[in-house]
């Protein structure tokens, strides 16, 4: 493996999906909004109360110091200290008042309405009053309540969690409903259009579900149509056999003719059942059929030679053109049956006096992975309507108009269906197109590695 391919695979594994980035963005946005809201609240409330808080804290310190001086050192020490504090213009004014109402120190503004008053017993046993104009001096204030940012963060998380849960659960409920509908047998259920215009992995899952449901619907409808066609095809020879038996009982003289008729219908039934079994084996899986290593070009040459011998008897020809070899491991019996059906079907519908051109060529793969075998079978018949080109490989298909016969060999409509199953089981493709001269051109492409290798035989 080249380093470029390895690096691309590693990058694909490391890359996150669209749903991951949506969840990441939602959760990140919710956390950021909660964080920004809480920080903004604390910041705004802190700035608003900061001057008052600082004045209250400083005043509380001054009053506590003055109380201590009065209680331990007396009035003189407290007066000197308070006078020094009041000399600072930025400091809150503090006054000391004696019991008889005499102001010992401090401006009259400290004794105005409001503020704080504290009665203190001095060292000499007398009572004094400390007064200040600041209302709040309690330093035990816890500041802004933290319940507000917690509640706001919880509300933001609740909102975003609800939106995220709705965003994820809605398409999942649609998928659950669709799965239950398919489980009940309603294969026409589709879910992608119910998910709106969103773009993520859940929508991709819905699209995958729609493709799966469409495939199941086509398979079930194909099975039902196949069973209907099988019952119709089996009923016809059985009806003719019953009619022959009835005529035989009524007219014993016609015994030989009726026995021949019954024998032909029995052979027809046997041939049809054989083709149905082949089709069933191919749909079960190519691994059930034994494989061997063969040269497909040589195999095609032998098939074309046999078809040319048969075509010569009815005034037609088969021309085979090929070069080289194409050796691979395939289910030779199955592919031989597929190419025989395609070539003999072309011989059946080509115009009398014309021929079928079979061309095989080995083409190198453009990606350099391996070679491919391209086989083209072109007849000179009436062709098919253009809208039927994709349907001629379906079982029991019959065409209207001039081509009233079945499109496949033996008149059962199974030959081209078997050919398509056989070729697709080997990893190949088969398609039909209108030839330039009006006939039908069937093209088969097979890879060199034609499907998985067969399992080794089990030892007894």
Protein backbone atom coordinates (compact mmCIF):
# COMPACT_ATOMS: atom_id res chain seq x y z
CA UNK A 1 0.00 0.00 0.00
CA UNK A 2 1.36 3.40 -0.96
CA UNK A 3 2.03 6.05 1.74
CA UNK A 4 -0.50 8.39 0.10
CA UNK A 5 -3.33 5.84 0.34
CA UNK A 6 -2.37 4.98 3.92
CA UNK A 7 -2.31 8.66 4.94
CA UNK A 8 -5.73 9.23 3.37
CA UNK A 9 -7.20 6.29 5.28
CA UNK A 10 -5.71 7.56 8.55
CA UNK A 11 -7.15 11.03 7.93
CA UNK A 12 -10.57 9.55 7.22
CA UNK A 13 -10.47 7.65 10.49
CA UNK A 14 -9.34 10.69 12.46
CA UNK A 15 -11.82 13.08 10.88
CA UNK A 16 -14.98 13.70 12.86
CA UNK A 17 -18.43 13.64 11.35
CA UNK A 18 -20.85 16.51 11.03
CA UNK A 19 -22.93 15.31 13.97
CA UNK A 20 -19.86 15.37 16.22
CA UNK A 21 -19.15 19.02 15.40
CA UNK A 22 -22.78 19.98 15.94
CA UNK A 23 -22.83 18.36 19.38
CA UNK A 24 -19.49 19.92 20.20
CA UNK A 25 -20.69 23.39 19.17
CA UNK A 26 -23.94 23.12 21.14
CA UNK A 27 -22.27 21.94 24.34
CA UNK A 28 -19.47 24.48 24.03
CA UNK A 29 -21.95 27.31 23.45
CA UNK A 30 -24.06 26.28 26.47
CA UNK A 31 -21.01 26.15 28.75
CA UNK A 32 -19.70 29.47 27.47
CA UNK A 33 -23.06 31.20 27.93
CA UNK A 34 -23.36 29.86 31.48
CA UNK A 35 -19.82 30.94 32.29
CA UNK A 36 -20.16 34.40 30.73
CA UNK A 37 -23.52 35.00 32.45
CA UNK A 38 -22.17 34.05 35.86
CA UNK A 39 -19.00 36.05 35.53
CA UNK A 40 -20.92 39.08 34.23
CA UNK A 41 -23.32 38.96 37.17
CA UNK A 42 -20.54 38.68 39.72
CA UNK A 43 -18.57 41.41 37.99
CA UNK A 44 -21.48 43.86 37.79
CA UNK A 45 -22.67 43.31 41.34
CA UNK A 46 -19.11 43.50 42.63
CA UNK A 47 -18.42 46.83 40.84
CA UNK A 48 -21.67 48.32 42.11
CA UNK A 49 -21.03 47.49 45.78
CA UNK A 50 -17.26 47.95 45.71
CA UNK A 51 -17.07 51.58 47.06
CA UNK A 52 -19.59 50.89 49.83
CA UNK A 53 -17.86 47.63 50.72
CA UNK A 54 -14.44 49.29 50.96
CA UNK A 55 -15.80 52.19 53.11
CA UNK A 56 -17.65 49.74 55.34
CA UNK A 57 -14.57 47.59 55.81
CA UNK A 58 -12.34 50.60 56.61
CA UNK A 59 -14.88 52.08 59.01
CA UNK A 60 -15.27 48.75 60.77
CA UNK A 61 -11.49 48.59 61.22
CA UNK A 62 -11.35 52.15 62.63
CA UNK A 63 -14.18 51.55 65.07
CA UNK A 64 -12.71 48.27 66.24
CA UNK A 65 -9.33 49.94 66.82
CA UNK A 66 -10.94 52.86 68.71
CA UNK A 67 -12.88 50.44 70.92
CA UNK A 68 -9.68 48.67 71.80
CA UNK A 69 -7.85 51.87 72.67
CA UNK A 70 -10.72 53.07 74.88
CA UNK A 71 -10.92 49.77 76.69
CA UNK A 72 -7.18 49.33 77.25
CA UNK A 73 -5.41 52.71 77.02
CA UNK A 74 -8.06 55.19 77.96
CA UNK A 75 -9.65 58.26 76.42
CA UNK A 76 -6.51 60.20 75.60
CA UNK A 77 -5.01 57.48 73.39
CA UNK A 78 -8.34 57.04 71.56
CA UNK A 79 -8.68 60.79 70.96
CA UNK A 80 -5.17 61.02 69.49
CA UNK A 81 -5.76 58.05 67.19
CA UNK A 82 -9.18 59.27 65.98
CA UNK A 83 -7.82 62.73 65.32
CA UNK A 84 -5.06 61.25 63.16
CA UNK A 85 -7.58 59.25 61.16
CA UNK A 86 -9.84 62.24 60.60
CA UNK A 87 -6.88 64.17 59.23
CA UNK A 88 -6.98 61.85 56.17
CA UNK A 89 -9.57 63.26 53.72
CA UNK A 90 -10.23 59.88 52.16
CA UNK A 91 -10.99 58.23 55.48
CA UNK A 92 -14.54 58.11 56.86
CA UNK A 93 -15.10 60.65 59.66
CA UNK A 94 -15.31 59.23 63.19
CA UNK A 95 -16.38 61.16 66.32
CA UNK A 96 -15.98 60.34 70.01
CA UNK A 97 -18.75 61.67 72.30
CA UNK A 98 -18.71 61.62 76.12
CA UNK A 99 -21.59 60.39 78.19
CA UNK A 100 -22.74 63.96 78.91
CA UNK A 101 -22.93 64.72 75.15
CA UNK A 102 -19.66 66.54 74.89
CA UNK A 103 -17.85 65.88 71.53
CA UNK A 104 -14.22 65.05 72.37
CA UNK A 105 -12.95 64.61 68.79
CA UNK A 106 -14.30 64.41 65.24
CA UNK A 107 -16.31 66.68 62.93
CA UNK A 108 -20.00 67.40 63.50
CA UNK A 109 -20.82 65.60 60.23
CA UNK A 110 -20.08 62.30 61.89
CA UNK A 111 -22.98 62.98 64.26
CA UNK A 112 -25.59 63.57 61.55
CA UNK A 113 -28.68 61.54 60.85
CA UNK A 114 -28.05 57.91 59.98
CA UNK A 115 -24.68 56.25 60.18
CA UNK A 116 -23.51 53.98 62.95
CA UNK A 117 -23.40 54.44 66.74
CA UNK A 118 -21.50 52.24 69.21
CA UNK A 119 -21.40 52.66 72.99
CA UNK A 120 -18.08 51.61 74.50
CA UNK A 121 -16.96 51.37 78.14
CA UNK A 122 -13.53 52.97 78.58
CA UNK A 123 -10.75 51.88 80.93
CA UNK A 124 -11.90 54.42 83.57
CA UNK A 125 -15.38 52.87 83.62
CA UNK A 126 -17.16 55.71 81.83
CA UNK A 127 -19.33 55.20 78.76
CA UNK A 128 -18.49 56.85 75.43
CA UNK A 129 -20.11 56.82 72.01
CA UNK A 130 -18.27 56.21 68.72
CA UNK A 131 -20.18 57.75 65.82
CA UNK A 132 -19.67 57.68 62.03
CA UNK A 133 -21.73 58.68 59.01
CA UNK A 134 -21.27 55.32 57.24
CA UNK A 135 -24.36 53.10 57.37
CA UNK A 136 -22.87 49.71 56.60
CA UNK A 137 -19.90 48.62 58.63
CA UNK A 138 -20.56 44.85 58.93
CA UNK A 139 -17.57 43.09 57.33
CA UNK A 140 -19.37 39.74 57.47
CA UNK A 141 -21.37 40.50 54.30
CA UNK A 142 -20.84 37.50 51.97
CA UNK A 143 -21.16 39.65 48.85
CA UNK A 144 -23.34 38.80 45.86
CA UNK A 145 -25.38 35.59 46.24
CA UNK A 146 -23.96 32.68 44.22
CA UNK A 147 -27.43 31.18 43.74
CA UNK A 148 -28.10 33.61 40.89
CA UNK A 149 -25.27 32.42 38.58
CA UNK A 150 -25.96 28.80 39.55
CA UNK A 151 -29.64 29.11 38.68
CA UNK A 152 -28.92 30.99 35.46
CA UNK A 153 -26.33 28.38 34.42
CA UNK A 154 -28.80 25.62 35.20
CA UNK A 155 -31.49 27.27 33.10
CA UNK A 156 -29.11 27.73 30.16
CA UNK A 157 -28.00 24.08 30.42
CA UNK A 158 -31.65 22.96 30.65
CA UNK A 159 -32.58 24.97 27.56
CA UNK A 160 -29.70 23.71 25.44
CA UNK A 161 -30.09 20.13 26.70
CA UNK A 162 -33.77 20.19 25.74
CA UNK A 163 -33.01 21.56 22.28
CA UNK A 164 -30.21 19.02 21.77
CA UNK A 165 -32.39 16.13 22.96
CA UNK A 166 -35.16 17.23 20.58
CA UNK A 167 -32.67 17.64 17.74
CA UNK A 168 -31.36 14.09 18.20
CA UNK A 169 -34.53 12.26 19.22
CA UNK A 170 -36.80 13.57 16.45
CA UNK A 171 -35.00 11.87 13.51
CA UNK A 172 -34.36 8.79 15.62
CA UNK A 173 -38.09 8.50 16.31
CA UNK A 174 -38.69 8.78 12.57
CA UNK A 175 -36.19 5.97 11.96
CA UNK A 176 -37.79 3.84 14.66
CA UNK A 177 -41.23 4.37 13.10
CA UNK A 178 -39.88 3.46 9.65
CA UNK A 179 -38.18 0.30 10.94
CA UNK A 180 -41.41 -0.85 12.60
CA UNK A 181 -43.33 -0.13 9.39
CA UNK A 182 -40.88 -2.21 7.33
CA UNK A 183 -41.04 -4.97 9.95
CA UNK A 184 -44.82 -5.03 9.42
CA UNK A 185 -44.24 -5.51 5.71
CA UNK A 186 -44.79 -1.96 4.46
CA UNK A 187 -41.78 -1.72 2.14
CA UNK A 188 -43.02 1.54 0.62
CA UNK A 189 -41.99 3.41 3.79
CA UNK A 190 -39.51 6.25 3.23
CA UNK A 191 -38.04 8.43 5.96
CA UNK A 192 -35.57 10.87 4.38
CA UNK A 193 -38.16 13.50 3.41
CA UNK A 194 -39.41 13.58 7.03
CA UNK A 195 -36.05 14.82 8.35
CA UNK A 196 -36.16 18.25 6.75
CA UNK A 197 -33.13 20.10 5.45
CA UNK A 198 -30.64 19.07 8.14
CA UNK A 199 -27.31 17.59 7.08
CA UNK A 200 -25.61 15.07 9.37
CA UNK A 201 -24.93 11.36 9.82
CA UNK A 202 -28.48 10.66 11.01
CA UNK A 203 -29.82 12.01 7.71
CA UNK A 204 -27.27 9.86 5.86
CA UNK A 205 -28.60 6.90 7.84
CA UNK A 206 -32.12 7.84 6.75
CA UNK A 207 -30.99 7.93 3.11
CA UNK A 208 -29.36 4.50 3.54
CA UNK A 209 -32.61 3.23 5.06
CA UNK A 210 -34.57 4.52 2.06
CA UNK A 211 -32.20 2.73 -0.32
CA UNK A 212 -32.53 -0.45 1.72
CA UNK A 213 -36.33 -0.18 1.77
CA UNK A 214 -36.38 0.47 -1.97
CA UNK A 215 -34.18 -2.56 -2.58
CA UNK A 216 -36.36 -4.73 -0.34
CA UNK A 217 -39.50 -3.48 -2.08
CA UNK A 218 -38.10 -4.31 -5.49
CA UNK A 219 -36.94 -7.74 -4.29
CA UNK A 220 -40.30 -8.58 -2.75
CA UNK A 221 -42.20 -7.33 -5.78
CA UNK A 222 -39.82 -9.27 -8.01
CA UNK A 223 -40.38 -12.43 -5.97
CA UNK A 224 -44.14 -12.00 -6.14
CA UNK A 225 -43.99 -11.35 -9.88
CA UNK A 226 -41.68 -14.33 -10.33
CA UNK A 227 -44.02 -16.63 -8.41
CA UNK A 228 -46.94 -15.38 -10.48
CA UNK A 229 -45.04 -15.91 -13.72
CA UNK A 230 -43.82 -19.36 -12.64
CA UNK A 231 -47.34 -20.46 -11.79
CA UNK A 232 -48.56 -19.15 -15.16
CA UNK A 233 -45.75 -20.84 -17.10
CA UNK A 234 -46.22 -24.14 -15.29
CA UNK A 235 -49.98 -24.07 -15.72
CA UNK A 236 -49.81 -23.89 -19.53
CA UNK A 237 -47.95 -27.19 -20.18
CA UNK A 238 -49.91 -28.89 -17.40
CA UNK A 239 -53.18 -27.78 -19.00
CA UNK A 240 -52.04 -29.12 -22.37
CA UNK A 241 -51.04 -32.40 -20.76
CA UNK A 242 -54.44 -32.70 -19.11
CA UNK A 243 -56.12 -31.94 -22.44
CA UNK A 244 -54.00 -34.58 -24.17
CA UNK A 245 -54.92 -37.13 -21.51
CA UNK A 246 -58.61 -36.26 -21.91
CA UNK A 247 -58.40 -36.67 -25.71
CA UNK A 248 -56.52 -39.92 -25.23
CA UNK A 249 -59.36 -41.30 -23.08
CA UNK A 250 -61.97 -40.15 -25.59
CA UNK A 251 -60.11 -41.32 -28.72
CA UNK A 252 -57.85 -44.32 -28.09
CA UNK A 253 -56.86 -44.18 -31.76
CA UNK A 254 -54.89 -41.01 -31.09
CA UNK A 255 -52.72 -42.69 -28.48
CA UNK A 256 -49.40 -42.23 -30.30
CA UNK A 257 -49.99 -38.54 -31.05
CA UNK A 258 -51.20 -37.77 -27.52
CA UNK A 259 -48.29 -39.64 -25.93
CA UNK A 260 -45.88 -37.63 -28.08
CA UNK A 261 -47.64 -34.46 -27.01
CA UNK A 262 -47.44 -35.41 -23.35
CA UNK A 263 -43.77 -36.29 -23.79
CA UNK A 264 -43.01 -32.90 -25.32
CA UNK A 265 -44.82 -31.05 -22.53
CA UNK A 266 -42.98 -33.15 -19.93
CA UNK A 267 -39.66 -32.23 -21.54
CA UNK A 268 -40.74 -28.60 -21.54
CA UNK A 269 -41.58 -28.77 -17.84
CA UNK A 270 -38.26 -30.48 -17.10
CA UNK A 271 -36.36 -27.81 -19.00
CA UNK A 272 -38.24 -25.02 -17.22
CA UNK A 273 -37.65 -26.52 -13.77
CA UNK A 274 -33.97 -26.93 -14.61
CA UNK A 275 -33.67 -23.26 -15.52
CA UNK A 276 -35.54 -22.24 -12.38
CA UNK A 277 -33.15 -24.30 -10.27
CA UNK A 278 -30.19 -22.69 -12.01
CA UNK A 279 -31.65 -19.24 -11.35
CA UNK A 280 -32.25 -20.12 -7.69
CA UNK A 281 -28.69 -21.41 -7.26
CA UNK A 282 -27.31 -18.19 -8.71
CA UNK A 283 -29.46 -16.01 -6.45
CA UNK A 284 -28.42 -18.01 -3.37
CA UNK A 285 -24.77 -17.33 -4.15
CA UNK A 286 -22.01 -18.23 -6.55
CA UNK A 287 -19.98 -19.74 -3.72
CA UNK A 288 -22.30 -22.76 -3.80
CA UNK A 289 -21.14 -23.65 -7.34
CA UNK A 290 -17.74 -25.23 -7.91
CA UNK A 291 -15.17 -23.10 -9.71
CA UNK A 292 -12.26 -23.92 -11.93
CA UNK A 293 -9.52 -22.09 -13.79
CA UNK A 294 -10.39 -21.70 -17.48
CA UNK A 295 -9.62 -19.49 -20.46
CA UNK A 296 -12.85 -17.56 -21.07
CA UNK A 297 -11.88 -16.59 -24.62
CA UNK A 298 -11.36 -20.24 -25.49
CA UNK A 299 -14.68 -21.07 -23.82
CA UNK A 300 -16.41 -18.36 -25.85
CA UNK A 301 -14.89 -19.71 -29.05
CA UNK A 302 -16.32 -23.16 -28.38
CA UNK A 303 -19.77 -21.71 -27.60
CA UNK A 304 -19.72 -19.55 -30.76
CA UNK A 305 -18.69 -22.55 -32.86
CA UNK A 306 -21.63 -24.63 -31.57
CA UNK A 307 -24.02 -21.71 -32.07
CA UNK A 308 -22.74 -21.20 -35.64
CA UNK A 309 -23.41 -24.85 -36.45
CA UNK A 310 -26.99 -24.54 -35.16
CA UNK A 311 -27.55 -21.15 -36.86
CA UNK A 312 -26.42 -22.45 -40.24
CA UNK A 313 -29.39 -24.82 -40.32
CA UNK A 314 -31.83 -21.86 -40.22
CA UNK A 315 -29.99 -19.59 -42.67
CA UNK A 316 -28.10 -17.52 -40.15
CA UNK A 317 -24.43 -17.18 -39.12
CA UNK A 318 -22.30 -16.52 -36.04
CA UNK A 319 -18.98 -14.69 -36.45
CA UNK A 320 -16.50 -14.80 -33.57
CA UNK A 321 -13.59 -12.38 -33.24
CA UNK A 322 -11.08 -12.49 -30.37
CA UNK A 323 -7.38 -12.41 -29.59
CA UNK A 324 -5.20 -13.51 -26.72
CA UNK A 325 -6.19 -15.27 -23.53
CA UNK A 326 -8.19 -14.42 -20.43
CA UNK A 327 -7.56 -17.07 -17.80
CA UNK A 328 -9.33 -16.76 -14.45
CA UNK A 329 -11.07 -18.86 -11.79
CA UNK A 330 -14.81 -18.99 -12.49
CA UNK A 331 -17.83 -21.24 -12.32
CA UNK A 332 -17.29 -22.43 -15.88
CA UNK A 333 -20.59 -24.30 -16.16
CA UNK A 334 -22.58 -21.24 -15.07
CA UNK A 335 -20.74 -18.78 -17.34
CA UNK A 336 -20.99 -21.21 -20.24
CA UNK A 337 -24.76 -21.32 -19.74
CA UNK A 338 -24.88 -17.50 -19.56
CA UNK A 339 -22.96 -16.94 -22.81
CA UNK A 340 -24.96 -19.67 -24.56
CA UNK A 341 -28.22 -17.99 -23.58
CA UNK A 342 -27.07 -14.58 -24.83
CA UNK A 343 -25.66 -15.85 -28.14
CA UNK A 344 -28.53 -18.23 -28.91
CA UNK A 345 -31.05 -15.54 -28.04
CA UNK A 346 -29.32 -13.26 -30.57
CA UNK A 347 -29.38 -16.05 -33.19
CA UNK A 348 -33.08 -16.57 -32.55
CA UNK A 349 -34.01 -12.95 -33.29
CA UNK A 350 -31.49 -11.94 -35.94
CA UNK A 351 -33.00 -11.65 -39.40
CA UNK A 352 -32.71 -14.61 -41.75
CA UNK A 353 -29.68 -14.30 -43.99
CA UNK A 354 -27.80 -12.18 -41.43
CA UNK A 355 -25.38 -13.11 -38.70
CA UNK A 356 -24.51 -12.48 -35.07
CA UNK A 357 -21.17 -10.80 -34.36
CA UNK A 358 -19.48 -12.00 -31.16
CA UNK A 359 -16.40 -10.00 -30.17
CA UNK A 360 -14.16 -10.58 -27.15
CA UNK A 361 -11.35 -8.23 -26.11
CA UNK A 362 -9.12 -7.89 -23.06
CA UNK A 363 -9.05 -4.31 -21.76
CA UNK A 364 -6.60 -2.99 -19.19
CA UNK A 365 -8.26 -1.40 -16.15
CA UNK A 366 -7.84 2.38 -16.02
CA UNK A 367 -6.92 2.20 -12.32
CA UNK A 368 -4.25 -0.39 -13.00
CA UNK A 369 -5.95 -2.94 -10.73
CA UNK A 370 -6.29 -5.65 -13.36
CA UNK A 371 -7.60 -6.62 -16.78
CA UNK A 372 -11.22 -6.95 -17.84
CA UNK A 373 -12.83 -9.09 -20.50
CA UNK A 374 -15.35 -7.23 -22.65
CA UNK A 375 -17.68 -9.40 -24.75
CA UNK A 376 -20.07 -7.90 -27.29
CA UNK A 377 -22.92 -9.83 -28.95
CA UNK A 378 -24.66 -7.88 -31.75
CA UNK A 379 -27.54 -9.21 -33.84
CA UNK A 380 -29.38 -7.82 -36.90
CA UNK A 381 -32.89 -8.33 -35.66
CA UNK A 382 -35.75 -5.92 -34.90
CA UNK A 383 -34.27 -4.94 -31.54
CA UNK A 384 -36.41 -3.97 -28.57
CA UNK A 385 -38.12 -0.73 -27.53
CA UNK A 386 -35.67 1.61 -25.82
CA UNK A 387 -37.67 1.69 -22.60
CA UNK A 388 -37.34 -2.13 -22.37
CA UNK A 389 -33.54 -2.27 -22.55
CA UNK A 390 -33.16 -2.45 -18.77
CA UNK A 391 -35.99 -4.96 -18.35
CA UNK A 392 -35.13 -7.69 -20.84
CA UNK A 393 -33.01 -9.40 -18.18
CA UNK A 394 -36.00 -9.92 -15.88
CA UNK A 395 -37.49 -13.43 -15.62
CA UNK A 396 -40.48 -14.32 -17.83
CA UNK A 397 -40.42 -11.03 -19.69
CA UNK A 398 -42.47 -10.93 -22.88
CA UNK A 399 -42.51 -8.12 -25.40
CA UNK A 400 -45.54 -6.62 -27.07
CA UNK A 401 -45.95 -5.76 -30.73
CA UNK A 402 -44.01 -7.56 -33.43
CA UNK A 403 -41.85 -9.45 -30.94
CA UNK A 404 -44.56 -11.50 -29.25
CA UNK A 405 -42.21 -14.35 -28.43
CA UNK A 406 -40.26 -14.56 -25.24
CA UNK A 407 -36.96 -12.72 -25.26
CA UNK A 408 -34.99 -15.67 -23.93
CA UNK A 409 -34.10 -19.06 -25.27
CA UNK A 410 -36.60 -21.94 -25.00
CA UNK A 411 -39.51 -19.54 -24.71
CA UNK A 412 -39.47 -19.29 -20.88
CA UNK A 413 -37.98 -15.82 -20.49
CA UNK A 414 -35.33 -17.18 -18.12
CA UNK A 415 -32.26 -17.30 -20.34
CA UNK A 416 -31.23 -13.65 -20.06
CA UNK A 417 -32.21 -13.57 -16.38
CA UNK A 418 -29.88 -16.52 -15.72
CA UNK A 419 -27.16 -14.83 -17.75
CA UNK A 420 -27.39 -11.64 -15.70
CA UNK A 421 -27.31 -13.49 -12.36
CA UNK A 422 -24.36 -15.61 -13.49
CA UNK A 423 -22.31 -12.64 -14.70
CA UNK A 424 -23.10 -10.47 -11.65
CA UNK A 425 -22.17 -13.35 -9.33
CA UNK A 426 -18.65 -13.10 -10.83
CA UNK A 427 -18.40 -9.36 -10.22
CA UNK A 428 -19.27 -8.50 -13.82
CA UNK A 429 -21.88 -6.37 -15.54
CA UNK A 430 -24.25 -7.00 -18.44
CA UNK A 431 -26.24 -4.44 -20.37
CA UNK A 432 -28.14 -4.00 -23.61
CA UNK A 433 -28.27 -1.18 -26.16
CA UNK A 434 -29.71 -0.62 -29.60
CA UNK A 435 -27.20 -1.30 -32.36
CA UNK A 436 -26.69 1.37 -35.06
CA UNK A 437 -28.33 -0.83 -37.72
CA UNK A 438 -31.38 -1.50 -35.56
CA UNK A 439 -30.45 -4.76 -33.87
CA UNK A 440 -29.67 -5.43 -30.23
CA UNK A 441 -26.16 -5.22 -28.74
CA UNK A 442 -25.53 -7.04 -25.46
CA UNK A 443 -22.27 -6.18 -23.69
CA UNK A 444 -20.72 -8.27 -20.92
CA UNK A 445 -17.80 -7.13 -18.77
CA UNK A 446 -15.95 -9.50 -16.45
CA UNK A 447 -13.00 -8.66 -14.18
CA UNK A 448 -9.90 -10.82 -14.05
CA UNK A 449 -10.54 -11.53 -10.37
CA UNK A 450 -14.04 -12.81 -11.09
CA UNK A 451 -15.56 -13.04 -7.65
CA UNK A 452 -14.29 -14.70 -4.50
CA UNK A 453 -12.22 -17.87 -4.62
CA UNK A 454 -14.07 -21.05 -3.75
CA UNK A 455 -13.64 -22.43 -0.23
CA UNK A 456 -11.22 -25.38 0.14
CA UNK A 457 -12.82 -28.85 0.15
CA UNK A 458 -13.62 -30.26 3.55
CA UNK A 459 -11.65 -33.35 4.48
CA UNK A 460 -13.49 -36.35 5.80
